[in-house]
Amino acid sequence: MESSGRALQPPPRGAEAHQGAWRFTAPALDTSVPRVRHAVRDLIRRQRAPVSPEVLDGLLLIVSELVTNSVRHAALLSPRLGVEVSLGDGWVRVAVEDGHPYRPKALASDPAEEHLGGRGLLLVKAVVAESGGACDVEPTATGGKIIWAALPLLAA
C-alpha cells in the first residue's frame, strides 16, 4: 500500500487533534482486503479518535465490503484502488475509489437464495442505517466511482 501518511488538510484552528483526512492506495487484490482494514483500524487508533467499539466494528466491516467489491468487480479496469479516511467533528468517513464505471446497486432480498453474492452493499446500508450514518456512490471525473460511508463517532 502506498500512503501519503499525512493529513490532506490540517485540522482547522481549535479542532480536535484527531481530525483530518488520509488517503492511500492498494492493489486490487484479495490480499488488500485485510491489509486495508488493518490500516484503517490502526489509523483510527493512532489518531485517538473517539470511536466506540461498535462504530469501529461497523466501520471495519464497511471497509472490508467496499474493498472486496472493488477487488471482485473492478480489478480488470482498475488495478489499484484508492482509500480515504476522514475524521471530522463527530463523524468518520471511509471512501473507496476505483476506475470502473459501473455503479453498483444493492440486490433486493433473495428469499430463494439463488444469488450467493451481492449482499455486501445491503450489509453496508444496514450498518450505516443502524448507526445513523449516510452512504452513497459518486462518479469520478475520470469515469470511475467512489463509494463512501460516514458514521457518527459515538454510537447513536
Protein backbone atom coordinates (compact mmCIF):
# COMPACT_ATOMS: atom_id res chain seq x y z
CA MET A 1 0.00 0.00 0.00
CA GLU A 2 1.12 3.50 -0.71
CA SER A 3 0.18 6.19 1.73
CA SER A 4 0.57 9.89 1.96
CA GLY A 5 0.98 9.43 5.71
CA ARG A 6 -0.18 12.99 6.30
CA ALA A 7 -3.47 14.71 6.59
CA LEU A 8 -4.63 16.08 3.26
CA GLN A 9 -5.75 19.19 5.07
CA PRO A 10 -4.61 20.26 8.51
CA PRO A 11 -7.34 20.39 11.13
CA PRO A 12 -8.97 23.81 11.43
CA ARG A 13 -7.68 26.03 14.23
CA GLY A 14 -9.16 24.83 17.52
CA ALA A 15 -10.19 21.47 16.02
CA GLU A 16 -9.64 18.15 17.74
CA ALA A 17 -6.23 16.61 17.10
CA HIS A 18 -7.79 13.50 15.56
CA GLN A 19 -9.43 15.41 12.71
CA GLY A 20 -8.08 15.22 9.17
CA ALA A 21 -8.15 13.16 6.01
CA TRP A 22 -5.74 10.43 4.93
CA ARG A 23 -5.52 8.75 1.55
CA PHE A 24 -3.66 5.66 0.39
CA THR A 25 -3.78 3.20 -2.48
CA ALA A 26 -3.70 -0.57 -2.64
CA PRO A 27 -3.56 -3.12 -5.43
CA ALA A 28 -6.94 -4.58 -6.43
CA LEU A 29 -6.07 -7.99 -4.96
CA ASP A 30 -7.78 -10.21 -2.36
CA THR A 31 -4.81 -9.71 -0.03
CA SER A 32 -5.60 -5.99 0.10
CA VAL A 33 -8.88 -6.52 1.96
CA PRO A 34 -7.36 -7.38 5.37
CA ARG A 35 -4.42 -5.01 4.80
CA VAL A 36 -6.72 -2.04 4.18
CA ARG A 37 -8.97 -2.99 7.10
CA HIS A 38 -5.96 -3.14 9.44
CA ALA A 39 -4.56 0.13 8.08
CA VAL A 40 -7.87 1.90 8.75
CA ARG A 41 -8.12 0.42 12.25
CA ASP A 42 -4.54 1.40 13.06
CA LEU A 43 -5.05 4.93 11.71
CA ILE A 44 -8.13 5.50 13.87
CA ARG A 45 -6.32 4.21 16.94
CA ARG A 46 -3.21 6.26 16.19
CA GLN A 47 -5.30 9.42 15.84
CA ARG A 48 -7.06 8.61 19.13
CA ALA A 49 -10.42 9.31 17.54
CA PRO A 50 -13.37 8.89 19.92
CA VAL A 51 -14.83 5.92 18.04
CA SER A 52 -16.91 3.50 20.09
CA PRO A 53 -16.09 -0.22 19.69
CA GLU A 54 -19.44 -0.77 17.96
CA VAL A 55 -18.85 2.01 15.44
CA LEU A 56 -15.29 0.80 14.79
CA ASP A 57 -16.56 -2.75 14.16
CA GLY A 58 -19.18 -1.41 11.76
CA LEU A 59 -16.65 0.82 10.01
CA LEU A 60 -14.20 -2.05 9.52
CA LEU A 61 -16.97 -4.26 8.16
CA ILE A 62 -17.88 -1.50 5.69
CA VAL A 63 -14.23 -1.10 4.64
CA SER A 64 -13.95 -4.86 4.06
CA GLU A 65 -17.11 -4.96 1.95
CA LEU A 66 -16.22 -1.91 -0.16
CA VAL A 67 -12.66 -3.06 -0.85
CA THR A 68 -13.89 -6.59 -1.62
CA ASN A 69 -16.37 -5.19 -4.13
CA SER A 70 -13.65 -3.18 -5.87
CA VAL A 71 -11.35 -6.20 -5.98
CA ARG A 72 -14.04 -8.54 -7.31
CA HIS A 73 -15.79 -6.26 -9.76
CA ALA A 74 -13.38 -3.52 -10.83
CA ALA A 75 -9.87 -5.01 -10.86
CA LEU A 76 -9.85 -5.65 -14.60
CA LEU A 77 -10.30 -1.95 -15.37
CA SER A 78 -8.79 -0.63 -12.15
CA PRO A 79 -5.69 -2.50 -10.92
CA ARG A 80 -5.33 -0.08 -7.97
CA LEU A 81 -7.95 1.30 -5.64
CA GLY A 82 -7.91 4.40 -3.50
CA VAL A 83 -9.00 4.57 0.11
CA GLU A 84 -9.67 7.74 2.05
CA VAL A 85 -10.40 8.01 5.76
CA SER A 86 -11.72 11.33 7.05
CA LEU A 87 -12.24 12.17 10.68
CA GLY A 88 -14.38 15.20 11.37
CA ASP A 89 -16.22 16.79 14.24
CA GLY A 90 -18.48 13.95 15.35
CA TRP A 91 -18.10 11.61 12.33
CA VAL A 92 -15.78 9.25 10.49
CA ARG A 93 -15.99 8.69 6.73
CA VAL A 94 -14.40 6.00 4.58
CA ALA A 95 -14.37 6.06 0.81
CA VAL A 96 -13.15 3.51 -1.72
CA GLU A 97 -12.42 4.63 -5.27
CA ASP A 98 -11.84 2.54 -8.36
CA GLY A 99 -11.70 3.22 -12.07
CA HIS A 100 -14.64 1.04 -13.12
CA PRO A 101 -17.68 2.99 -14.38
CA TYR A 102 -20.32 0.54 -13.10
CA ARG A 103 -22.33 1.99 -10.21
CA PRO A 104 -23.42 -0.98 -8.07
CA LYS A 105 -26.86 -1.37 -6.61
CA ALA A 106 -27.60 -3.48 -3.57
CA LEU A 107 -29.52 -6.60 -4.54
CA ALA A 108 -33.05 -6.93 -3.28
CA SER A 109 -33.81 -9.59 -0.73
CA ASP A 110 -33.41 -13.07 -2.22
CA PRO A 111 -35.59 -15.45 -0.16
CA ALA A 112 -34.85 -18.36 -2.51
CA GLU A 113 -31.12 -17.69 -2.03
CA GLU A 114 -30.50 -18.02 -5.76
CA HIS A 115 -27.69 -15.43 -5.63
CA LEU A 116 -24.72 -16.25 -3.45
CA GLY A 117 -23.11 -12.82 -3.75
CA GLY A 118 -24.29 -9.26 -3.92
CA ARG A 119 -25.27 -8.76 -0.34
CA GLY A 120 -22.25 -6.68 0.63
CA LEU A 121 -23.85 -3.35 -0.18
CA LEU A 122 -27.04 -4.38 1.61
CA LEU A 123 -24.89 -5.08 4.65
CA VAL A 124 -23.15 -1.71 4.29
CA LYS A 125 -26.51 0.06 4.05
CA ALA A 126 -27.79 -1.80 7.13
CA VAL A 127 -24.73 -0.89 9.24
CA VAL A 128 -24.98 2.74 8.11
CA ALA A 129 -28.72 2.93 8.85
CA GLU A 130 -28.32 1.29 12.27
CA SER A 131 -25.66 3.82 13.29
CA GLY A 132 -27.49 6.86 11.91
CA GLY A 133 -24.91 7.47 9.19
CA ALA A 134 -25.02 8.00 5.44
CA CYS A 135 -23.59 6.35 2.32
CA ASP A 136 -23.61 6.95 -1.41
CA VAL A 137 -21.91 6.27 -4.74
CA GLU A 138 -20.47 9.16 -6.75
CA PRO A 139 -18.82 9.26 -10.18
CA THR A 140 -15.23 10.43 -10.51
CA ALA A 141 -14.00 12.91 -13.13
CA THR A 142 -12.15 10.04 -14.85
CA GLY A 143 -15.23 7.83 -15.23
CA GLY A 144 -14.77 5.63 -12.17
CA LYS A 145 -16.64 5.76 -8.89
CA ILE A 146 -16.25 6.48 -5.20
CA ILE A 147 -18.38 4.59 -2.71
CA TRP A 148 -18.39 6.20 0.72
CA ALA A 149 -19.95 5.74 4.12
CA ALA A 150 -19.96 8.12 7.09
CA LEU A 151 -20.74 7.08 10.65
CA PRO A 152 -21.07 9.11 13.85
CA LEU A 153 -18.03 8.73 16.08
CA LEU A 154 -20.12 7.64 19.04
CA ALA A 155 -22.88 5.03 18.79
CA ALA A 156 -26.28 6.60 18.07
